[in-house]
Protein backbone atom coordinates (compact mmCIF):
# COMPACT_ATOMS: atom_id res chain seq x y z
CA UNK A 1 0.00 0.00 0.00
CA UNK A 2 1.03 3.59 -0.49
CA UNK A 3 1.27 4.26 3.21
CA UNK A 4 4.33 2.00 3.39
CA UNK A 5 6.21 4.27 1.03
CA UNK A 6 9.63 5.56 2.03
CA UNK A 7 11.87 8.09 0.30
CA UNK A 8 15.33 9.54 0.88
CA UNK A 9 13.97 13.08 1.04
CA UNK A 10 12.59 12.40 4.53
CA UNK A 11 16.01 12.67 6.15
CA UNK A 12 16.98 15.71 4.09
CA UNK A 13 13.97 17.98 4.17
CA UNK A 14 11.61 16.92 6.96
CA UNK A 15 11.62 14.63 9.95
CA UNK A 16 8.46 12.73 9.10
CA UNK A 17 6.88 12.60 5.67
CA UNK A 18 3.09 12.14 5.82
CA UNK A 19 1.98 8.87 4.26
CA UNK A 20 -0.46 8.56 1.37
CA UNK A 21 -3.40 6.32 2.18
CA UNK A 22 -5.65 5.37 -0.76
CA UNK A 23 -8.60 5.68 1.63
CA UNK A 24 -7.96 9.45 1.83
CA UNK A 25 -8.07 9.91 -1.94
CA UNK A 26 -11.23 11.02 -3.77
CA UNK A 27 -13.30 7.97 -4.72
CA UNK A 28 -12.45 7.73 -8.44
CA UNK A 29 -8.73 7.97 -7.78
CA UNK A 30 -8.94 5.46 -4.93
CA UNK A 31 -10.69 2.89 -7.14
CA UNK A 32 -8.08 3.39 -9.88
CA UNK A 33 -5.09 3.09 -7.55
CA UNK A 34 -6.41 -0.02 -5.79
CA UNK A 35 -6.38 -1.94 -9.08
CA UNK A 36 -2.60 -2.29 -8.59
CA UNK A 37 -0.68 -4.13 -5.86
CA UNK A 38 2.83 -2.67 -5.55
CA UNK A 39 3.77 0.74 -4.19
CA UNK A 40 5.50 1.71 -7.44
CA UNK A 41 2.51 0.73 -9.59
CA UNK A 42 0.06 2.54 -7.32
CA UNK A 43 2.14 5.71 -7.38
CA UNK A 44 2.49 5.53 -11.16
CA UNK A 45 -1.26 5.11 -11.54
CA UNK A 46 -1.93 8.04 -9.19
CA UNK A 47 0.62 10.37 -10.79
CA UNK A 48 -0.64 9.41 -14.25
CA UNK A 49 -4.32 9.89 -13.41
CA UNK A 50 -3.70 13.28 -11.78
CA UNK A 51 -1.59 14.46 -14.72
CA UNK A 52 -3.94 13.20 -17.42
CA UNK A 53 -6.96 14.69 -15.67
CA UNK A 54 -5.15 18.01 -15.18
CA UNK A 55 -5.52 18.34 -18.95
CA UNK A 56 -9.29 17.87 -18.70
CA UNK A 57 -9.71 20.99 -16.54
CA UNK A 58 -9.42 23.55 -19.34
CA UNK A 59 -11.46 26.23 -17.54
CA UNK A 60 -10.21 25.62 -14.00
CA UNK A 61 -7.67 28.17 -12.78
CA UNK A 62 -5.89 29.46 -9.70
CA UNK A 63 -3.67 32.31 -8.55
CA UNK A 64 0.03 31.68 -7.84
CA UNK A 65 2.38 34.61 -7.25
CA UNK A 66 -0.36 36.95 -8.50
CA UNK A 67 -0.51 35.14 -11.83
CA UNK A 68 -3.40 33.11 -13.21
CA UNK A 69 -2.29 29.53 -13.76
CA UNK A 70 -4.06 26.37 -14.88
CA UNK A 71 -3.66 22.86 -13.45
CA UNK A 72 -2.04 21.22 -16.51
CA UNK A 73 0.87 19.04 -15.34
CA UNK A 74 3.82 17.22 -16.93
CA UNK A 75 4.86 13.85 -15.49
CA UNK A 76 7.82 11.62 -16.27
CA UNK A 77 8.44 8.13 -14.83
CA UNK A 78 12.05 6.97 -14.94
CA UNK A 79 13.06 3.35 -14.37
CA UNK A 80 15.05 0.58 -16.06
CA UNK A 81 13.36 -1.46 -18.78
CA UNK A 82 10.76 -4.03 -17.64
CA UNK A 83 10.20 -2.27 -14.29
CA UNK A 84 6.42 -2.15 -14.31
CA UNK A 85 6.06 1.28 -15.91
CA UNK A 86 3.05 -0.13 -17.77
CA UNK A 87 0.89 0.86 -14.78
CA UNK A 88 1.36 4.45 -15.90
CA UNK A 89 -0.40 3.68 -19.16
CA UNK A 90 -3.59 3.05 -17.19
CA UNK A 91 -4.04 6.79 -17.76
CA UNK A 92 -4.73 6.07 -21.43
CA UNK A 93 -7.40 3.49 -20.53
CA UNK A 94 -9.06 5.76 -17.96
CA UNK A 95 -9.38 8.60 -20.49
CA UNK A 96 -10.20 6.45 -23.50
CA UNK A 97 -13.96 6.94 -23.27
CA UNK A 98 -13.49 10.71 -23.56
CA UNK A 99 -11.00 10.33 -26.40
CA UNK A 100 -13.14 7.92 -28.42
CA UNK A 101 -16.23 10.14 -28.20
CA UNK A 102 -14.33 13.08 -29.75
CA UNK A 103 -12.55 10.87 -32.27
CA UNK A 104 -15.83 9.40 -33.53
CA UNK A 105 -17.36 12.84 -34.10
CA UNK A 106 -14.19 14.20 -35.76
CA UNK A 107 -13.97 11.27 -38.18
CA UNK A 108 -17.64 11.71 -39.12
CA UNK A 109 -17.15 15.43 -39.78
CA UNK A 110 -14.05 14.78 -41.90
CA UNK A 111 -15.90 12.19 -43.98
CA UNK A 112 -18.82 14.57 -44.50
CA UNK A 113 -16.42 17.34 -45.52
CA UNK A 114 -14.62 15.13 -48.05
CA UNK A 115 -17.92 14.00 -49.56
CA UNK A 116 -19.19 17.57 -49.83
CA UNK A 117 -15.88 18.72 -51.31
CA UNK A 118 -15.99 15.96 -53.91
CA UNK A 119 -19.49 16.98 -55.07
CA UNK A 120 -18.96 20.76 -54.89
CA UNK A 121 -18.28 22.99 -57.85
CA UNK A 122 -14.83 24.53 -58.17
CA UNK A 123 -15.83 27.97 -56.87
CA UNK A 124 -17.84 26.42 -54.02
CA UNK A 125 -14.99 24.10 -53.07
CA UNK A 126 -12.61 27.06 -52.79
CA UNK A 127 -14.81 28.55 -50.05
CA UNK A 128 -15.24 25.36 -48.05
CA UNK A 129 -13.21 25.02 -44.85
CA UNK A 130 -12.10 21.73 -43.36
CA UNK A 131 -13.71 21.18 -39.94
CA UNK A 132 -11.30 20.96 -36.99
CA UNK A 133 -10.05 17.47 -36.15
CA UNK A 134 -10.49 17.44 -32.38
CA UNK A 135 -8.93 14.66 -30.29
CA UNK A 136 -8.01 14.90 -26.58
CA UNK A 137 -5.08 12.44 -26.68
CA UNK A 138 -2.44 13.76 -29.10
CA UNK A 139 0.32 11.43 -30.37
CA UNK A 140 3.82 12.15 -29.10
CA UNK A 141 5.26 11.48 -32.56
CA UNK A 142 4.27 14.86 -33.97
CA UNK A 143 6.01 17.90 -35.43
CA UNK A 144 5.89 21.24 -33.64
CA UNK A 145 3.60 22.80 -36.26
CA UNK A 146 1.22 19.83 -36.15
CA UNK A 147 1.19 19.89 -32.33
CA UNK A 148 0.23 23.56 -32.35
CA UNK A 149 -2.40 22.84 -35.01
CA UNK A 150 -3.90 20.15 -32.77
CA UNK A 151 -3.88 22.56 -29.83
CA UNK A 152 -5.53 25.32 -31.84
CA UNK A 153 -8.21 23.05 -33.30
CA UNK A 154 -9.03 21.80 -29.81
CA UNK A 155 -9.78 25.31 -28.60
CA UNK A 156 -11.57 26.32 -26.50
CA UNK A 157 -12.76 23.32 -24.49
CA UNK A 158 -11.27 20.10 -25.91
CA UNK A 159 -8.39 18.83 -23.72
CA UNK A 160 -4.83 18.41 -25.03
CA UNK A 161 -3.03 15.43 -23.48
CA UNK A 162 0.08 13.54 -24.62
CA UNK A 163 0.51 10.00 -23.23
CA UNK A 164 3.59 8.05 -24.36
CA UNK A 165 5.07 4.88 -22.88
CA UNK A 166 8.32 5.26 -24.84
CA UNK A 167 10.15 8.51 -24.19
CA UNK A 168 12.16 8.11 -27.40
CA UNK A 169 8.97 8.73 -29.37
CA UNK A 170 8.90 12.27 -28.03
CA UNK A 171 12.69 12.68 -28.19
CA UNK A 172 12.71 11.86 -31.90
CA UNK A 173 9.90 14.32 -32.49
CA UNK A 174 11.73 17.13 -30.68
CA UNK A 175 14.82 16.56 -32.85
CA UNK A 176 13.00 16.96 -36.16
CA UNK A 177 14.25 19.75 -38.39
CA UNK A 178 11.16 21.99 -38.15
CA UNK A 179 10.93 21.79 -34.41
CA UNK A 180 10.87 24.23 -31.55
CA UNK A 181 9.14 21.50 -29.58
CA UNK A 182 10.92 22.03 -26.27
CA UNK A 183 10.10 25.74 -26.38
CA UNK A 184 6.42 24.94 -26.95
CA UNK A 185 6.33 22.66 -23.91
CA UNK A 186 8.18 25.13 -21.68
CA UNK A 187 5.69 27.87 -22.52
CA UNK A 188 2.69 25.55 -22.22
CA UNK A 189 3.54 24.58 -18.65
CA UNK A 190 3.20 28.24 -17.62
CA UNK A 191 0.32 28.89 -20.07
CA UNK A 192 2.31 31.48 -22.02
CA UNK A 193 1.14 32.44 -25.51
CA UNK A 194 2.48 30.34 -28.39
CA UNK A 195 2.66 31.35 -32.05
CA UNK A 196 4.20 29.77 -35.11
CA UNK A 197 4.52 30.92 -38.72
CA UNK A 198 5.56 28.75 -41.66
CA UNK A 199 6.24 29.76 -45.25
CA UNK A 200 4.63 26.57 -46.56
CA UNK A 201 0.93 27.24 -47.24
CA UNK A 202 1.26 30.54 -45.32
CA UNK A 203 0.65 28.71 -42.05
CA UNK A 204 0.12 30.84 -38.98
CA UNK A 205 -1.11 29.58 -35.62
CA UNK A 206 -1.46 31.42 -32.33
CA UNK A 207 -2.64 30.00 -29.03
CA UNK A 208 -3.35 32.07 -25.97
CA UNK A 209 -2.99 30.29 -22.64
CA UNK A 210 -2.08 26.78 -23.89
CA UNK A 211 -2.97 23.98 -21.43
CA UNK A 212 -1.36 20.75 -22.54
CA UNK A 213 -0.73 17.86 -20.11
CA UNK A 214 1.93 15.18 -20.60
CA UNK A 215 2.30 11.66 -19.20
CA UNK A 216 5.61 10.04 -20.18
CA UNK A 217 7.79 7.12 -19.15
CA UNK A 218 11.28 6.03 -20.11
CA UNK A 219 14.64 4.74 -19.02
CA UNK A 220 17.40 6.99 -17.59
CA UNK A 221 19.22 6.88 -20.95
CA UNK A 222 16.07 8.05 -22.75
CA UNK A 223 15.79 11.02 -20.40
CA UNK A 224 19.27 12.17 -21.44
CA UNK A 225 18.16 12.11 -25.08
CA UNK A 226 15.12 14.27 -24.35
CA UNK A 227 16.85 16.62 -21.89
CA UNK A 228 20.53 16.99 -22.83
CA UNK A 229 21.89 18.79 -19.78
CA UNK A 230 21.20 19.98 -16.25
CA UNK A 231 20.33 23.54 -17.27
CA UNK A 232 17.60 22.60 -19.76
CA UNK A 233 14.49 24.42 -18.49
CA UNK A 234 12.18 21.62 -19.64
CA UNK A 235 13.45 19.30 -16.89
CA UNK A 236 12.24 21.44 -13.99
CA UNK A 237 8.73 21.56 -15.42
CA UNK A 238 8.20 17.82 -14.99
CA UNK A 239 6.88 15.98 -11.99
CA UNK A 240 9.03 12.89 -11.73
CA UNK A 241 9.04 9.47 -10.14
CA UNK A 242 12.34 7.61 -10.39
CA UNK A 243 12.60 4.12 -9.00
CA UNK A 244 14.55 0.88 -9.39
CA UNK A 245 12.55 -2.15 -8.20
CA UNK A 246 14.30 -5.32 -7.00
CA UNK A 247 15.17 -7.83 -9.69
CA UNK A 248 12.74 -10.70 -9.27
CA UNK A 249 10.47 -12.90 -11.35
CA UNK A 250 6.74 -12.28 -11.03
CA UNK A 251 4.29 -15.17 -11.23
CA UNK A 252 2.74 -14.86 -14.71
CA UNK A 253 0.24 -17.75 -14.38
CA UNK A 254 -3.24 -16.57 -15.45
CA UNK A 255 -5.75 -16.30 -12.61
CA UNK A 256 -9.14 -17.30 -14.00
CA UNK A 257 -10.96 -16.12 -10.90
CA UNK A 258 -9.25 -12.69 -10.80
CA UNK A 259 -10.66 -9.54 -12.35
CA UNK A 260 -8.82 -8.28 -15.42
CA UNK A 261 -7.09 -4.95 -14.71
CA UNK A 262 -7.90 -3.55 -18.15
CA UNK A 263 -11.57 -4.42 -17.72
CA UNK A 264 -11.70 -2.68 -14.33
CA UNK A 265 -9.93 0.43 -15.63
CA UNK A 266 -12.12 0.44 -18.73
CA UNK A 267 -15.27 0.43 -16.60
CA UNK A 268 -13.86 3.33 -14.55
CA UNK A 269 -13.40 5.41 -17.72
CA UNK A 270 -17.14 6.22 -17.63
CA UNK A 271 -16.62 7.89 -14.24
CA UNK A 272 -13.75 9.96 -15.65
CA UNK A 273 -16.05 11.07 -18.48
CA UNK A 274 -18.57 12.25 -15.86
CA UNK A 275 -15.75 14.12 -14.09
CA UNK A 276 -14.78 15.81 -17.37
CA UNK A 277 -18.35 16.85 -18.16
CA UNK A 278 -18.80 18.19 -14.62
CA UNK A 279 -16.15 20.86 -15.28
CA UNK A 280 -16.22 21.21 -19.08
CA UNK A 281 -17.11 24.71 -20.31
CA UNK A 282 -17.47 25.97 -16.71
CA UNK A 283 -15.08 28.51 -15.25
CA UNK A 284 -13.92 27.51 -11.78
CA UNK A 285 -11.32 29.06 -9.48
CA UNK A 286 -9.48 26.94 -6.88
CA UNK A 287 -7.55 28.41 -3.96
CA UNK A 288 -5.68 27.27 -0.86
CA UNK A 289 -6.55 28.32 2.67
CA UNK A 290 -4.43 30.94 4.40
CA UNK A 291 -2.81 28.28 6.58
CA UNK A 292 -2.03 26.13 3.54
CA UNK A 293 -0.26 29.04 1.84
CA UNK A 294 1.84 29.53 4.97
CA UNK A 295 2.77 25.83 4.99
CA UNK A 296 3.72 25.94 1.30
CA UNK A 297 5.91 29.03 1.71
CA UNK A 298 7.66 27.74 4.84
CA UNK A 299 8.33 24.32 3.34
CA UNK A 300 10.01 25.63 0.19
CA UNK A 301 11.91 28.30 2.08
CA UNK A 302 13.50 25.55 4.18
CA UNK A 303 14.13 23.26 1.20
CA UNK A 304 15.74 26.03 -0.82
CA UNK A 305 18.05 26.96 2.07
CA UNK A 306 19.12 23.32 2.55
CA UNK A 307 19.86 22.75 -1.14
CA UNK A 308 21.77 26.02 -1.56
CA UNK A 309 23.78 25.28 1.58
CA UNK A 310 24.63 21.84 0.20
CA UNK A 311 25.92 23.40 -3.05
CA UNK A 312 23.66 21.07 -5.03
CA UNK A 313 23.65 20.33 -8.77
CA UNK A 314 23.10 22.91 -11.48
CA UNK A 315 19.43 23.57 -12.04
CA UNK A 316 18.40 22.54 -8.50
CA UNK A 317 17.03 25.98 -7.65
CA UNK A 318 14.71 26.05 -10.67
CA UNK A 319 13.59 22.49 -9.89
CA UNK A 320 12.68 23.50 -6.33
CA UNK A 321 10.89 26.69 -7.31
CA UNK A 322 8.84 24.99 -10.01
CA UNK A 323 8.05 22.17 -7.59
CA UNK A 324 6.11 24.75 -5.60
CA UNK A 325 3.98 25.44 -8.68
CA UNK A 326 3.58 21.68 -9.17
CA UNK A 327 2.37 21.25 -5.57
CA UNK A 328 -0.29 23.90 -6.14
CA UNK A 329 -1.38 22.29 -9.42
CA UNK A 330 -1.68 18.87 -7.76
CA UNK A 331 -3.80 20.47 -5.02
CA UNK A 332 -6.05 22.01 -7.70
CA UNK A 333 -6.66 18.64 -9.39
CA UNK A 334 -7.30 16.84 -6.10
CA UNK A 335 -9.74 19.58 -5.09
CA UNK A 336 -11.54 19.25 -8.41
CA UNK A 337 -11.96 15.50 -7.80
CA UNK A 338 -13.09 16.06 -4.21
CA UNK A 339 -15.76 18.60 -5.14
CA UNK A 340 -16.98 16.39 -8.00
CA UNK A 341 -17.35 13.53 -5.53
CA UNK A 342 -19.34 15.79 -3.18
CA UNK A 343 -21.42 17.25 -6.04
CA UNK A 344 -20.34 20.82 -5.24
CA UNK A 345 -20.59 22.88 -8.43
CA UNK A 346 -19.60 26.30 -7.05
CA UNK A 347 -17.40 28.54 -9.19
CA UNK A 348 -14.98 29.10 -6.30
CA UNK A 349 -13.48 26.07 -4.52
CA UNK A 350 -11.00 25.74 -1.66
CA UNK A 351 -8.63 22.85 -1.03
CA UNK A 352 -9.33 20.57 1.92
CA UNK A 353 -6.47 19.85 4.32
CA UNK A 354 -6.38 16.11 3.57
CA UNK A 355 -5.98 16.83 -0.14
CA UNK A 356 -3.32 19.44 0.55
CA UNK A 357 -1.42 16.87 2.64
CA UNK A 358 -1.57 14.43 -0.28
CA UNK A 359 -0.38 17.16 -2.66
CA UNK A 360 2.61 17.91 -0.41
CA UNK A 361 3.60 14.25 -0.22
CA UNK A 362 3.39 13.74 -3.97
CA UNK A 363 5.33 16.95 -4.60
CA UNK A 364 8.07 15.81 -2.20
CA UNK A 365 8.29 12.41 -3.90
CA UNK A 366 8.63 14.21 -7.21
CA UNK A 367 11.22 16.63 -5.85
CA UNK A 368 13.38 13.86 -4.41
CA UNK A 369 13.29 12.00 -7.74
CA UNK A 370 13.98 15.16 -9.74
CA UNK A 371 17.03 16.12 -7.69
CA UNK A 372 18.38 12.59 -7.88
CA UNK A 373 17.97 12.42 -11.67
CA UNK A 374 19.25 15.98 -12.07
CA UNK A 375 22.56 14.98 -10.50
CA UNK A 376 23.06 12.40 -13.28
CA UNK A 377 22.59 14.86 -16.15
CA UNK A 378 25.68 16.39 -17.80
CA UNK A 379 26.45 20.04 -17.20
CA UNK A 380 25.60 22.53 -19.90
CA UNK A 381 28.20 22.61 -22.68
CA UNK A 382 27.25 26.20 -23.43
CA UNK A 383 27.85 27.28 -19.83
CA UNK A 384 31.24 25.55 -19.78
CA UNK A 385 32.30 27.16 -23.03
CA UNK A 386 31.02 30.55 -21.83
CA UNK A 387 33.59 30.59 -19.05
CA UNK A 388 36.38 29.64 -21.46
CA UNK A 389 35.40 32.32 -23.96
CA UNK A 390 34.53 35.15 -21.57
CA UNK A 391 37.87 36.78 -22.42
CA UNK A 392 36.40 37.73 -25.79
CA UNK A 393 34.42 40.44 -24.02
CA UNK A 394 37.69 42.27 -23.27
CA UNK A 395 37.88 43.55 -26.83
CA UNK A 396 34.52 45.30 -26.55
CA UNK A 397 33.63 48.68 -25.02
CA UNK A 398 32.03 48.83 -21.55
CA UNK A 399 28.74 49.28 -23.40
CA UNK A 400 28.31 47.52 -26.71
CA UNK A 401 25.68 46.46 -29.24
CA UNK A 402 24.80 42.90 -30.16
CA UNK A 403 26.12 43.54 -33.68
CA UNK A 404 29.57 44.36 -32.27
CA UNK A 405 29.61 41.13 -30.30
CA UNK A 406 28.53 39.11 -33.36
CA UNK A 407 31.52 40.52 -35.25
CA UNK A 408 33.91 39.36 -32.54
CA UNK A 409 32.14 36.00 -32.32
CA UNK A 410 32.32 35.51 -36.08
CA UNK A 411 36.06 36.16 -36.06
CA UNK A 412 36.38 33.33 -33.53
CA UNK A 413 34.22 30.93 -35.59
CA UNK A 414 31.25 31.14 -33.20
CA UNK A 415 27.84 30.85 -34.88
CA UNK A 416 25.20 33.56 -34.44
CA UNK A 417 22.92 31.19 -32.53
CA UNK A 418 25.68 30.17 -30.11
CA UNK A 419 26.78 33.78 -29.71
CA UNK A 420 23.27 34.81 -28.70
CA UNK A 421 23.05 31.94 -26.23
CA UNK A 422 26.36 33.04 -24.72
CA UNK A 423 25.02 36.59 -24.30
CA UNK A 424 21.90 35.29 -22.55
CA UNK A 425 23.94 33.11 -20.23
CA UNK A 426 26.36 35.93 -19.38
CA UNK A 427 23.36 38.06 -18.43
CA UNK A 428 22.09 35.25 -16.17
CA UNK A 429 25.57 34.83 -14.64
CA UNK A 430 25.76 38.55 -13.87
CA UNK A 431 28.68 39.30 -16.22
CA UNK A 432 26.49 41.53 -18.39
CA UNK A 433 23.52 43.84 -17.91
CA UNK A 434 21.08 44.21 -20.80
CA UNK A 435 20.26 47.92 -20.81
CA UNK A 436 17.90 47.77 -23.81
CA UNK A 437 17.12 45.47 -26.67
CA UNK A 438 20.36 44.65 -28.48
CA UNK A 439 22.60 46.66 -26.09
CA UNK A 440 24.65 45.43 -23.11
CA UNK A 441 26.90 46.82 -20.36
CA UNK A 442 29.78 44.88 -18.79
CA UNK A 443 29.70 44.55 -14.99
C-alpha cells in the first residue's frame, strides 16, 4: 500500500513525511489506484491519473504569485526497462472513453467534408473550410507545427493530453528539423502564448494560454536524449518518479478467478467522463486556505536553504521553485476530484487539508526523484564554453551592441545562434547587464 512508502527526502527535508493512504483519496482515484498491488505501480497510476486529468480541466484556474495559472501538469516516470512502468499507461485506458467520443465525431465530420468537397463545384470548393479534427489524446510522434495545429483546433474546451510509454517517441519528435518542440512545452507549462509561422501554405497559428498535459515514461538513458543537460528548463517543469525495483520474477500464471485490470480500468473510464463533463465549459477558481499558503511558503523556504547550503547540482534551484507550482497544481486537481465527488458545483473552490497533505507528499516524492535524476545529467556545454570564452568580451567597449559582439564572435568561428546563447547566459551569470534590446553593459 502507499502508506508503506519511504523516500530519501525524509532525512533531508523533513523529519516525518506524511503517508499517502488510498482511503484518503477522492473515490475515483482510490478505485483506480487499488487496481494495482505494488507501491510503485500505485504511485504511477496516481501520478498518471492526476496528470492526465489536469488536462481535462481547461477552464479551471488558480492564482500563484499573482498570476493566473491552470492545473495542466507534466509527469515523467524513470526506471530501467521491464520495471512495471506499464501501470502508468492506465491513464490512457481511464481517459479512452473521452478520447473515443471526440474521435468518432471528428472522423464523421471529416468524412462529411470530403464527400461535400468531392461533389462541390470549383468555386464552391474554394470557399469550403475543413472542420477541426479534435482529439483529446495527441500522439507524441508529432512535429511542432502539427502539435500547435492540434492545440488550436481543440480550442476552446477540448483537452490536449500527450501519453507516451516510450520517451524516445517524443525525443525523436523534438529533434526533427522543423521543431521548436521544447520551447512549446516550456511555454505551455506556464500557459504562455504560443505562435508559429511557416512559409509553406502561409501557415500561422497562435494559441493564448495553452494547457497541454503530458504523461511520459522512459529509461534513464532516454531522459538524457530528451533533456541533454542539467540547465535545460524543460526538466524542472516535470513531476518525476524515479525508482529501481528489486530484480525478481513475477508469477505470470493466469488467474481465471481474478478480475482483469484492463476491464476494471475500462469500466472506470465512464466515471472519468462524468468528471470531465462536470467541469467542461465551466469557469472555476481553486484556492488554498491561508494556513495552507503559509505551509507551502515555509516548506520551500526551508528546502531552498538546505539545497543552496549543500551546493547542489546545477538547475536545482529552478527544480525547487517549479516544484512549488507543481504542488499547487496537484492540489487544484485533487480539489476538483473532491468537489466532483461531493457534487459541489460552485465557481470558487477551496482545497481541503487532507488533499493538501496528499499534494505535499506527492510533490516531495517528485522533488526527491527530480534532484536525484538531475545529479546524473551532464552540465551545460554552453555554460562551460562561456567561461572559457569570456575573455572575448575584453575587446569590446564597456557598453556595446549585439552587432559588435557578433563581429567578434564571427572572427572566432562562433555561430550567431551560439553567440546569442552566450550573451543570454552571461546576463544570467551577472557578467552583463542588458540595458535595452540589443545593447549590453559589462559589470
